[in-house]
């Protein structure tokens, strides 16, 4: 028999009661079924050889000439306009002292407005959009700022439990100065009723840390007659760090 939402709520409450106070989720989180298969079970592999720092060299290197304005505007990457509610997402990448992180490569990927990824393994019976691929990238400026123009993604079913739906979200990746520093996380939208039912978001023990994953509506970012604005800052370390999906 499939796990019901009531069963899942009880599992979340039990897992949260057992978890120590922390902004970081446990790597094995039973309500999030696939975490049992995704988190490491063995010690990390030690890099050996003449140059133990060799792995640090395998990192993307992009400059202003490599990442263009078109990369950060997902509504202009095809001949026609994508379907859906256009949005502008902007914010700053900061360190624990509030200092801007400059020249940081940010990747974004997402489902389309119908909740479908442009990926051959996505079997959700929602329509694909020929004018929307759902991939973008940007470099942070001198103030640590970034900006994307895209469409708001739709919710989609994911079979974690009975009647399971993922809330609307954007995937973000930041590479740091080396590949081993990569942070992968998600941004959610305010007021989404599915947030309370999502075991991925609810795996974060601290309520304040969960709230930092939800963007803020920003009327100042709204582009008249074009897009709605959301602000989301990313903090890379310290007590206010944005949650990472490390180990998932």
C-alpha atoms as a PDB file:
ATOM      1  CA  UNK A   1       0.000   0.000   0.000  1.00  0.00           C
ATOM      2  CA  UNK A   2       1.446   3.452  -0.920  1.00  0.00           C
ATOM      3  CA  UNK A   3       2.577   5.700   1.896  1.00  0.00           C
ATOM      4  CA  UNK A   4      -0.144   8.269   2.600  1.00  0.00           C
ATOM      5  CA  UNK A   5       0.419  11.916   3.400  1.00  0.00           C
ATOM      6  CA  UNK A   6      -0.610  11.283   7.022  1.00  0.00           C
ATOM      7  CA  UNK A   7       1.991   8.508   7.268  1.00  0.00           C
ATOM      8  CA  UNK A   8       4.583  10.850   5.778  1.00  0.00           C
ATOM      9  CA  UNK A   9       3.698  13.647   8.215  1.00  0.00           C
ATOM     10  CA  UNK A  10       4.251  11.253  11.113  1.00  0.00           C
ATOM     11  CA  UNK A  11       7.603  10.179   9.652  1.00  0.00           C
ATOM     12  CA  UNK A  12       8.691  13.810   9.251  1.00  0.00           C
ATOM     13  CA  UNK A  13       7.707  14.623  12.837  1.00  0.00           C
ATOM     14  CA  UNK A  14       9.623  11.590  14.128  1.00  0.00           C
ATOM     15  CA  UNK A  15      12.704  12.341  12.012  1.00  0.00           C
ATOM     16  CA  UNK A  16      12.702  15.979  13.136  1.00  0.00           C
ATOM     17  CA  UNK A  17      12.396  14.963  16.803  1.00  0.00           C
ATOM     18  CA  UNK A  18      15.464  12.733  16.438  1.00  0.00           C
ATOM     19  CA  UNK A  19      17.548  15.260  14.498  1.00  0.00           C
ATOM     20  CA  UNK A  20      19.927  17.563  16.410  1.00  0.00           C
ATOM     21  CA  UNK A  21      19.429  21.313  15.941  1.00  0.00           C
ATOM     22  CA  UNK A  22      21.100  22.106  12.639  1.00  0.00           C
ATOM     23  CA  UNK A  23      20.471  24.000   9.401  1.00  0.00           C
ATOM     24  CA  UNK A  24      21.679  20.923   7.493  1.00  0.00           C
ATOM     25  CA  UNK A  25      19.475  17.891   6.808  1.00  0.00           C
ATOM     26  CA  UNK A  26      20.593  14.364   7.645  1.00  0.00           C
ATOM     27  CA  UNK A  27      21.958  12.573   4.617  1.00  0.00           C
ATOM     28  CA  UNK A  28      19.679   9.588   5.177  1.00  0.00           C
ATOM     29  CA  UNK A  29      16.186  10.999   5.660  1.00  0.00           C
ATOM     30  CA  UNK A  30      13.528   8.227   5.518  1.00  0.00           C
ATOM     31  CA  UNK A  31      10.596  10.473   4.464  1.00  0.00           C
ATOM     32  CA  UNK A  32      12.665  11.370   1.376  1.00  0.00           C
ATOM     33  CA  UNK A  33      12.760   7.849  -0.018  1.00  0.00           C
ATOM     34  CA  UNK A  34      15.640   8.084  -2.490  1.00  0.00           C
ATOM     35  CA  UNK A  35      18.028   9.602   0.066  1.00  0.00           C
ATOM     36  CA  UNK A  36      18.689   6.031   1.226  1.00  0.00           C
ATOM     37  CA  UNK A  37      20.242   5.332  -2.172  1.00  0.00           C
ATOM     38  CA  UNK A  38      21.884   8.704  -2.762  1.00  0.00           C
ATOM     39  CA  UNK A  39      23.898   9.435   0.356  1.00  0.00           C
ATOM     40  CA  UNK A  40      27.460   8.075   0.761  1.00  0.00           C
ATOM     41  CA  UNK A  41      27.884   4.874   2.803  1.00  0.00           C
ATOM     42  CA  UNK A  42      31.679   4.762   2.679  1.00  0.00           C
ATOM     43  CA  UNK A  43      34.537   7.072   3.537  1.00  0.00           C
ATOM     44  CA  UNK A  44      35.613   9.534   0.812  1.00  0.00           C
ATOM     45  CA  UNK A  45      38.234   8.321  -1.637  1.00  0.00           C
ATOM     46  CA  UNK A  46      41.629   9.881  -1.031  1.00  0.00           C
ATOM     47  CA  UNK A  47      43.197  11.421  -4.129  1.00  0.00           C
ATOM     48  CA  UNK A  48      46.722  10.044  -4.540  1.00  0.00           C
ATOM     49  CA  UNK A  49      49.534  10.682  -6.949  1.00  0.00           C
ATOM     50  CA  UNK A  50      52.275  13.168  -7.636  1.00  0.00           C
ATOM     51  CA  UNK A  51      49.818  16.062  -7.502  1.00  0.00           C
ATOM     52  CA  UNK A  52      47.170  15.547  -4.785  1.00  0.00           C
ATOM     53  CA  UNK A  53      45.647  18.905  -5.719  1.00  0.00           C
ATOM     54  CA  UNK A  54      44.972  17.792  -9.289  1.00  0.00           C
ATOM     55  CA  UNK A  55      41.238  17.501  -8.623  1.00  0.00           C
ATOM     56  CA  UNK A  56      41.172  21.216  -7.801  1.00  0.00           C
ATOM     57  CA  UNK A  57      42.144  22.012 -11.383  1.00  0.00           C
ATOM     58  CA  UNK A  58      38.968  20.500 -12.802  1.00  0.00           C
ATOM     59  CA  UNK A  59      36.718  23.493 -12.441  1.00  0.00           C
ATOM     60  CA  UNK A  60      34.815  25.548 -15.026  1.00  0.00           C
ATOM     61  CA  UNK A  61      36.556  28.783 -15.935  1.00  0.00           C
ATOM     62  CA  UNK A  62      34.290  31.366 -17.547  1.00  0.00           C
ATOM     63  CA  UNK A  63      34.710  35.047 -18.214  1.00  0.00           C
ATOM     64  CA  UNK A  64      32.347  37.779 -19.412  1.00  0.00           C
ATOM     65  CA  UNK A  65      32.944  36.748 -23.025  1.00  0.00           C
ATOM     66  CA  UNK A  66      31.855  33.157 -22.312  1.00  0.00           C
ATOM     67  CA  UNK A  67      28.595  33.845 -20.456  1.00  0.00           C
ATOM     68  CA  UNK A  68      26.327  36.206 -22.345  1.00  0.00           C
ATOM     69  CA  UNK A  69      23.068  37.992 -21.560  1.00  0.00           C
ATOM     70  CA  UNK A  70      21.234  35.336 -23.549  1.00  0.00           C
ATOM     71  CA  UNK A  71      22.444  32.627 -21.138  1.00  0.00           C
ATOM     72  CA  UNK A  72      20.642  34.262 -18.216  1.00  0.00           C
ATOM     73  CA  UNK A  73      17.415  35.001 -20.113  1.00  0.00           C
ATOM     74  CA  UNK A  74      15.655  31.659 -20.575  1.00  0.00           C
ATOM     75  CA  UNK A  75      12.772  33.338 -22.409  1.00  0.00           C
ATOM     76  CA  UNK A  76      14.939  34.334 -25.405  1.00  0.00           C
ATOM     77  CA  UNK A  77      16.818  31.123 -26.167  1.00  0.00           C
ATOM     78  CA  UNK A  78      14.466  29.909 -28.912  1.00  0.00           C
ATOM     79  CA  UNK A  79      12.588  31.354 -31.850  1.00  0.00           C
ATOM     80  CA  UNK A  80       9.297  31.756 -30.002  1.00  0.00           C
ATOM     81  CA  UNK A  81       8.325  32.817 -26.510  1.00  0.00           C
ATOM     82  CA  UNK A  82       7.854  30.126 -23.847  1.00  0.00           C
ATOM     83  CA  UNK A  83       4.488  29.565 -22.230  1.00  0.00           C
ATOM     84  CA  UNK A  84       3.942  30.506 -18.606  1.00  0.00           C
ATOM     85  CA  UNK A  85       4.248  33.302 -16.100  1.00  0.00           C
ATOM     86  CA  UNK A  86       7.451  35.237 -16.744  1.00  0.00           C
ATOM     87  CA  UNK A  87       9.561  35.958 -13.670  1.00  0.00           C
ATOM     88  CA  UNK A  88      12.746  37.809 -12.807  1.00  0.00           C
ATOM     89  CA  UNK A  89      14.926  36.202 -10.108  1.00  0.00           C
ATOM     90  CA  UNK A  90      17.771  38.251  -8.710  1.00  0.00           C
ATOM     91  CA  UNK A  91      19.960  38.355  -5.631  1.00  0.00           C
ATOM     92  CA  UNK A  92      23.535  38.418  -4.345  1.00  0.00           C
ATOM     93  CA  UNK A  93      26.048  35.710  -3.528  1.00  0.00           C
ATOM     94  CA  UNK A  94      27.705  36.530  -0.202  1.00  0.00           C
ATOM     95  CA  UNK A  95      30.165  35.008   2.244  1.00  0.00           C
ATOM     96  CA  UNK A  96      29.570  34.689   5.990  1.00  0.00           C
ATOM     97  CA  UNK A  97      30.700  38.298   6.582  1.00  0.00           C
ATOM     98  CA  UNK A  98      28.346  39.701   3.979  1.00  0.00           C
ATOM     99  CA  UNK A  99      31.082  40.316   1.435  1.00  0.00           C
ATOM    100  CA  UNK A 100      30.202  39.848  -2.249  1.00  0.00           C
ATOM    101  CA  UNK A 101      31.508  36.800  -4.083  1.00  0.00           C
ATOM    102  CA  UNK A 102      32.533  38.120  -7.495  1.00  0.00           C
ATOM    103  CA  UNK A 103      32.804  36.261 -10.787  1.00  0.00           C
ATOM    104  CA  UNK A 104      30.928  33.209  -9.470  1.00  0.00           C
ATOM    105  CA  UNK A 105      29.455  30.879 -12.067  1.00  0.00           C
ATOM    106  CA  UNK A 106      25.782  30.156 -11.296  1.00  0.00           C
ATOM    107  CA  UNK A 107      23.848  27.522 -13.213  1.00  0.00           C
ATOM    108  CA  UNK A 108      20.053  27.262 -13.138  1.00  0.00           C
ATOM    109  CA  UNK A 109      17.796  24.462 -14.351  1.00  0.00           C
ATOM    110  CA  UNK A 110      14.075  23.912 -13.962  1.00  0.00           C
ATOM    111  CA  UNK A 111      10.840  22.371 -15.199  1.00  0.00           C
ATOM    112  CA  UNK A 112       8.655  24.304 -17.603  1.00  0.00           C
ATOM    113  CA  UNK A 113       5.372  25.973 -16.700  1.00  0.00           C
ATOM    114  CA  UNK A 114       3.589  22.612 -16.948  1.00  0.00           C
ATOM    115  CA  UNK A 115       5.963  20.903 -14.537  1.00  0.00           C
ATOM    116  CA  UNK A 116       7.905  18.999 -17.217  1.00  0.00           C
ATOM    117  CA  UNK A 117      11.685  18.864 -17.620  1.00  0.00           C
ATOM    118  CA  UNK A 118      13.227  18.816 -21.084  1.00  0.00           C
ATOM    119  CA  UNK A 119      14.867  15.501 -20.236  1.00  0.00           C
ATOM    120  CA  UNK A 120      14.268  12.120 -21.830  1.00  0.00           C
ATOM    121  CA  UNK A 121      13.866  10.432 -18.439  1.00  0.00           C
ATOM    122  CA  UNK A 122      11.028  12.739 -17.400  1.00  0.00           C
ATOM    123  CA  UNK A 123       7.841  10.701 -17.925  1.00  0.00           C
ATOM    124  CA  UNK A 124       5.379  13.191 -16.431  1.00  0.00           C
ATOM    125  CA  UNK A 125       2.494  13.361 -18.964  1.00  0.00           C
ATOM    126  CA  UNK A 126       2.584  17.139 -19.182  1.00  0.00           C
ATOM    127  CA  UNK A 127       3.371  18.986 -22.415  1.00  0.00           C
ATOM    128  CA  UNK A 128       6.891  19.944 -23.410  1.00  0.00           C
ATOM    129  CA  UNK A 129       7.458  23.506 -24.573  1.00  0.00           C
ATOM    130  CA  UNK A 130       9.499  23.730 -27.801  1.00  0.00           C
ATOM    131  CA  UNK A 131      10.484  27.276 -26.844  1.00  0.00           C
ATOM    132  CA  UNK A 132      11.768  26.446 -23.375  1.00  0.00           C
ATOM    133  CA  UNK A 133      14.751  24.253 -22.475  1.00  0.00           C
ATOM    134  CA  UNK A 134      14.964  25.270 -18.819  1.00  0.00           C
ATOM    135  CA  UNK A 135      18.730  25.847 -18.592  1.00  0.00           C
ATOM    136  CA  UNK A 136      20.623  29.046 -17.840  1.00  0.00           C
ATOM    137  CA  UNK A 137      23.828  30.419 -16.366  1.00  0.00           C
ATOM    138  CA  UNK A 138      25.222  33.722 -15.171  1.00  0.00           C
ATOM    139  CA  UNK A 139      28.312  35.250 -13.583  1.00  0.00           C
ATOM    140  CA  UNK A 140      28.024  37.352 -10.437  1.00  0.00           C
ATOM    141  CA  UNK A 141      29.063  40.977 -10.710  1.00  0.00           C
ATOM    142  CA  UNK A 142      31.374  43.043  -8.532  1.00  0.00           C
ATOM    143  CA  UNK A 143      28.588  43.352  -5.946  1.00  0.00           C
ATOM    144  CA  UNK A 144      27.988  39.575  -6.006  1.00  0.00           C
ATOM    145  CA  UNK A 145      24.738  40.137  -7.880  1.00  0.00           C
ATOM    146  CA  UNK A 146      23.061  37.865 -10.409  1.00  0.00           C
ATOM    147  CA  UNK A 147      19.849  38.031 -12.423  1.00  0.00           C
ATOM    148  CA  UNK A 148      17.776  35.512 -14.386  1.00  0.00           C
ATOM    149  CA  UNK A 149      14.699  35.970 -16.546  1.00  0.00           C
ATOM    150  CA  UNK A 150      12.623  32.810 -16.938  1.00  0.00           C
ATOM    151  CA  UNK A 151       9.121  31.387 -16.431  1.00  0.00           C
ATOM    152  CA  UNK A 152       7.727  30.116 -13.172  1.00  0.00           C
ATOM    153  CA  UNK A 153       7.974  26.299 -13.115  1.00  0.00           C
ATOM    154  CA  UNK A 154       4.943  24.141 -12.476  1.00  0.00           C
ATOM    155  CA  UNK A 155       4.496  21.511  -9.772  1.00  0.00           C
ATOM    156  CA  UNK A 156       4.948  17.886 -10.766  1.00  0.00           C
ATOM    157  CA  UNK A 157       4.282  14.418  -9.276  1.00  0.00           C
ATOM    158  CA  UNK A 158       7.297  12.410  -8.116  1.00  0.00           C
ATOM    159  CA  UNK A 159       5.942   9.176  -6.559  1.00  0.00           C
ATOM    160  CA  UNK A 160       7.771   9.518  -3.241  1.00  0.00           C
ATOM    161  CA  UNK A 161       4.469   8.726  -1.519  1.00  0.00           C
ATOM    162  CA  UNK A 162       0.770   8.707  -2.360  1.00  0.00           C
ATOM    163  CA  UNK A 163      -0.284  11.864  -4.221  1.00  0.00           C
ATOM    164  CA  UNK A 164       3.217  13.358  -3.894  1.00  0.00           C
ATOM    165  CA  UNK A 165       3.836  16.662  -5.718  1.00  0.00           C
ATOM    166  CA  UNK A 166       6.981  18.756  -5.708  1.00  0.00           C
ATOM    167  CA  UNK A 167       6.377  22.463  -5.133  1.00  0.00           C
ATOM    168  CA  UNK A 168       7.560  24.908  -7.777  1.00  0.00           C
ATOM    169  CA  UNK A 169      11.321  25.311  -7.494  1.00  0.00           C
ATOM    170  CA  UNK A 170      14.488  26.349  -9.311  1.00  0.00           C
ATOM    171  CA  UNK A 171      17.706  24.348  -9.093  1.00  0.00           C
ATOM    172  CA  UNK A 172      20.881  26.361  -8.509  1.00  0.00           C
ATOM    173  CA  UNK A 173      24.518  25.294  -8.786  1.00  0.00           C
ATOM    174  CA  UNK A 174      27.546  27.358  -7.721  1.00  0.00           C
ATOM    175  CA  UNK A 175      31.043  26.096  -8.501  1.00  0.00           C
ATOM    176  CA  UNK A 176      33.251  28.138  -6.170  1.00  0.00           C
ATOM    177  CA  UNK A 177      36.917  28.230  -7.172  1.00  0.00           C
ATOM    178  CA  UNK A 178      37.193  24.462  -7.684  1.00  0.00           C
ATOM    179  CA  UNK A 179      34.886  21.621  -8.692  1.00  0.00           C
ATOM    180  CA  UNK A 180      35.127  20.033  -5.233  1.00  0.00           C
ATOM    181  CA  UNK A 181      33.526  23.173  -3.756  1.00  0.00           C
ATOM    182  CA  UNK A 182      30.353  22.918  -5.839  1.00  0.00           C
ATOM    183  CA  UNK A 183      27.101  23.742  -4.037  1.00  0.00           C
ATOM    184  CA  UNK A 184      23.770  22.490  -5.399  1.00  0.00           C
ATOM    185  CA  UNK A 185      20.541  23.734  -3.854  1.00  0.00           C
ATOM    186  CA  UNK A 186      16.946  24.728  -4.637  1.00  0.00           C
ATOM    187  CA  UNK A 187      14.921  27.934  -4.436  1.00  0.00           C
ATOM    188  CA  UNK A 188      11.191  27.869  -3.642  1.00  0.00           C
ATOM    189  CA  UNK A 189       8.408  30.420  -4.055  1.00  0.00           C
ATOM    190  CA  UNK A 190       6.525  32.173  -1.252  1.00  0.00           C
ATOM    191  CA  UNK A 191       2.948  31.171  -0.502  1.00  0.00           C
ATOM    192  CA  UNK A 192       3.160  27.765  -2.202  1.00  0.00           C
ATOM    193  CA  UNK A 193       0.772  25.397  -0.355  1.00  0.00           C
ATOM    194  CA  UNK A 194       2.921  22.397  -1.333  1.00  0.00           C
ATOM    195  CA  UNK A 195       5.887  23.555   0.778  1.00  0.00           C
ATOM    196  CA  UNK A 196       4.414  22.007   3.914  1.00  0.00           C
ATOM    197  CA  UNK A 197       4.057  18.637   2.165  1.00  0.00           C
ATOM    198  CA  UNK A 198       7.500  18.410   0.579  1.00  0.00           C
ATOM    199  CA  UNK A 199       9.864  16.030   2.436  1.00  0.00           C
ATOM    200  CA  UNK A 200      12.913  17.451   0.650  1.00  0.00           C
ATOM    201  CA  UNK A 201      12.319  20.935   2.051  1.00  0.00           C
ATOM    202  CA  UNK A 202      11.040  19.558   5.350  1.00  0.00           C
ATOM    203  CA  UNK A 203      14.252  17.543   5.802  1.00  0.00           C
ATOM    204  CA  UNK A 204      15.943  20.787   6.901  1.00  0.00           C
ATOM    205  CA  UNK A 205      15.618  20.637  10.719  1.00  0.00           C
ATOM    206  CA  UNK A 206      15.637  24.363  11.517  1.00  0.00           C
ATOM    207  CA  UNK A 207      12.622  26.434  10.480  1.00  0.00           C
ATOM    208  CA  UNK A 208      14.812  29.501   9.894  1.00  0.00           C
ATOM    209  CA  UNK A 209      17.018  27.521   7.508  1.00  0.00           C
ATOM    210  CA  UNK A 210      13.969  26.285   5.597  1.00  0.00           C
ATOM    211  CA  UNK A 211      12.741  29.849   5.255  1.00  0.00           C
ATOM    212  CA  UNK A 212      16.066  30.875   3.702  1.00  0.00           C
ATOM    213  CA  UNK A 213      15.294  28.554   0.797  1.00  0.00           C
ATOM    214  CA  UNK A 214      12.128  30.491  -0.056  1.00  0.00           C
ATOM    215  CA  UNK A 215      12.540  33.575  -2.228  1.00  0.00           C
ATOM    216  CA  UNK A 216      10.993  36.900  -1.288  1.00  0.00           C
ATOM    217  CA  UNK A 217       8.487  38.674  -3.506  1.00  0.00           C
ATOM    218  CA  UNK A 218      10.123  41.939  -4.632  1.00  0.00           C
ATOM    219  CA  UNK A 219       7.873  44.454  -6.340  1.00  0.00           C
ATOM    220  CA  UNK A 220      10.942  46.536  -7.217  1.00  0.00           C
ATOM    221  CA  UNK A 221      12.234  43.695  -9.393  1.00  0.00           C
ATOM    222  CA  UNK A 222       8.956  43.377 -11.246  1.00  0.00           C
ATOM    223  CA  UNK A 223       9.309  44.512 -14.855  1.00  0.00           C
ATOM    224  CA  UNK A 224       6.184  46.470 -15.876  1.00  0.00           C
ATOM    225  CA  UNK A 225       3.944  44.506 -18.229  1.00  0.00           C
ATOM    226  CA  UNK A 226       6.555  41.728 -18.527  1.00  0.00           C
ATOM    227  CA  UNK A 227       7.562  39.757 -15.410  1.00  0.00           C
ATOM    228  CA  UNK A 228       7.086  39.350 -11.651  1.00  0.00           C
ATOM    229  CA  UNK A 229      10.119  39.774  -9.405  1.00  0.00           C
ATOM    230  CA  UNK A 230      11.633  37.545  -6.719  1.00  0.00           C
ATOM    231  CA  UNK A 231      14.765  38.141  -4.667  1.00  0.00           C
ATOM    232  CA  UNK A 232      16.942  35.325  -3.330  1.00  0.00           C
ATOM    233  CA  UNK A 233      20.365  35.842  -1.777  1.00  0.00           C
ATOM    234  CA  UNK A 234      22.784  32.919  -1.441  1.00  0.00           C
ATOM    235  CA  UNK A 235      25.125  32.789   1.562  1.00  0.00           C
ATOM    236  CA  UNK A 236      27.997  30.367   1.067  1.00  0.00           C
ATOM    237  CA  UNK A 237      29.135  29.728   4.637  1.00  0.00           C
ATOM    238  CA  UNK A 238      28.582  30.595   8.283  1.00  0.00           C
ATOM    239  CA  UNK A 239      25.423  30.309  10.425  1.00  0.00           C
ATOM    240  CA  UNK A 240      23.222  31.854   7.726  1.00  0.00           C
ATOM    241  CA  UNK A 241      24.456  29.626   4.910  1.00  0.00           C
ATOM    242  CA  UNK A 242      22.035  28.516   2.237  1.00  0.00           C
ATOM    243  CA  UNK A 243      21.279  24.804   2.588  1.00  0.00           C
ATOM    244  CA  UNK A 244      23.252  22.504   0.291  1.00  0.00           C
ATOM    245  CA  UNK A 245      22.023  19.237  -1.188  1.00  0.00           C
ATOM    246  CA  UNK A 246      25.435  17.676  -0.493  1.00  0.00           C
ATOM    247  CA  UNK A 247      25.209  13.923  -0.385  1.00  0.00           C
ATOM    248  CA  UNK A 248      21.811  13.703  -2.127  1.00  0.00           C
END
